[in-house]
Amino acid sequence: MYDLVSFVSRGKIRKVVLSNLVKPHTPTELSHIIKTHRSTTSRTILALENRGLVRCITPNEKMGRYYEITEMGKKILQKIKV
């Protein structure tokens, strides 16, 4: 678990993306919220998704997919904020 804590806490954007996905968002919405490029946001979401920290809740959509934090992602977020 602490390898995931380390992974998230090493990246400033990863922490921000993870904490903002408590409520589901598309990468475009999220990039407007956190004021980064959509491509940066999308790459970060993909990296977090590959580690099981976020999940796509509309996988059949080609565009405008919504993502949210997983239970593991919530646990990691709690460890970082403590």
Protein backbone atom coordinates (compact mmCIF):
# COMPACT_ATOMS: atom_id res chain seq x y z
CA MET A 1 0.00 0.00 0.00
CA TYR A 2 2.77 2.47 0.82
CA ASP A 3 4.20 2.08 -2.67
CA LEU A 4 0.92 3.62 -3.89
CA VAL A 5 1.10 6.34 -1.23
CA SER A 6 4.60 7.15 -2.46
CA PHE A 7 3.49 7.10 -6.11
CA VAL A 8 0.66 9.57 -5.49
CA SER A 9 2.54 11.87 -3.12
CA ARG A 10 5.52 12.17 -5.51
CA GLY A 11 3.33 13.79 -8.15
CA LYS A 12 1.67 17.11 -7.42
CA ILE A 13 -0.85 16.62 -10.25
CA ARG A 14 -1.60 13.04 -9.11
CA LYS A 15 -2.62 14.26 -5.65
CA VAL A 16 -4.81 17.01 -7.09
CA VAL A 17 -6.47 14.71 -9.64
CA LEU A 18 -7.13 11.99 -7.06
CA SER A 19 -8.62 14.40 -4.52
CA ASN A 20 -10.86 16.00 -7.15
CA LEU A 21 -12.24 12.67 -8.36
CA VAL A 22 -14.17 12.13 -5.13
CA LYS A 23 -16.99 13.49 -7.30
CA PRO A 24 -17.06 11.97 -10.84
CA HIS A 25 -15.65 14.15 -13.63
CA THR A 26 -14.55 13.86 -17.24
CA PRO A 27 -10.89 14.63 -18.00
CA THR A 28 -11.98 17.87 -19.67
CA GLU A 29 -14.00 19.01 -16.65
CA LEU A 30 -11.18 18.08 -14.34
CA SER A 31 -8.57 19.92 -16.41
CA HIS A 32 -10.68 23.10 -16.12
CA ILE A 33 -11.01 22.65 -12.35
CA ILE A 34 -7.31 22.05 -11.69
CA LYS A 35 -6.12 24.38 -14.48
CA THR A 36 -3.92 21.94 -16.43
CA HIS A 37 -3.87 20.75 -20.02
CA ARG A 38 -6.41 18.05 -20.82
CA SER A 39 -3.63 15.77 -22.09
CA THR A 40 -1.79 16.07 -18.76
CA THR A 41 -5.00 15.31 -16.88
CA SER A 42 -5.79 12.33 -19.12
CA ARG A 43 -2.29 10.85 -18.71
CA THR A 44 -2.52 11.26 -14.94
CA ILE A 45 -5.96 9.60 -14.83
CA LEU A 46 -4.62 6.70 -16.91
CA ALA A 47 -1.65 6.22 -14.55
CA LEU A 48 -3.97 6.27 -11.52
CA GLU A 49 -6.42 3.92 -13.23
CA ASN A 50 -3.63 1.44 -14.03
CA ARG A 51 -2.85 1.27 -10.32
CA GLY A 52 -6.48 0.79 -9.31
CA LEU A 53 -6.90 4.21 -7.69
CA VAL A 54 -9.54 5.57 -10.07
CA ARG A 55 -12.03 3.86 -12.36
CA CYS A 56 -14.05 4.77 -15.41
CA ILE A 57 -17.77 4.65 -14.67
CA THR A 58 -18.81 5.11 -18.33
CA PRO A 59 -16.44 2.71 -20.16
CA ASN A 60 -18.69 2.29 -23.23
CA GLU A 61 -18.51 5.97 -24.13
CA LYS A 62 -16.00 7.00 -26.79
CA MET A 63 -15.78 10.58 -25.51
CA GLY A 64 -16.77 12.24 -22.27
CA ARG A 65 -15.94 9.32 -20.02
CA TYR A 66 -16.53 9.89 -16.33
CA TYR A 67 -13.98 8.79 -13.73
CA GLU A 68 -14.20 8.47 -9.96
CA ILE A 69 -11.91 7.46 -7.13
CA THR A 70 -11.95 3.82 -5.97
CA GLU A 71 -12.00 2.59 -2.37
CA MET A 72 -8.24 1.98 -2.58
CA GLY A 73 -7.81 5.51 -3.91
CA LYS A 74 -9.76 6.86 -0.93
CA LYS A 75 -7.51 4.93 1.47
CA ILE A 76 -4.39 6.29 -0.21
CA LEU A 77 -5.79 9.82 -0.08
CA GLN A 78 -6.47 9.45 3.65
CA LYS A 79 -2.87 8.30 4.26
CA ILE A 80 -1.50 11.31 2.37
CA LYS A 81 -3.72 13.88 4.10
CA VAL A 82 -2.92 12.61 7.60
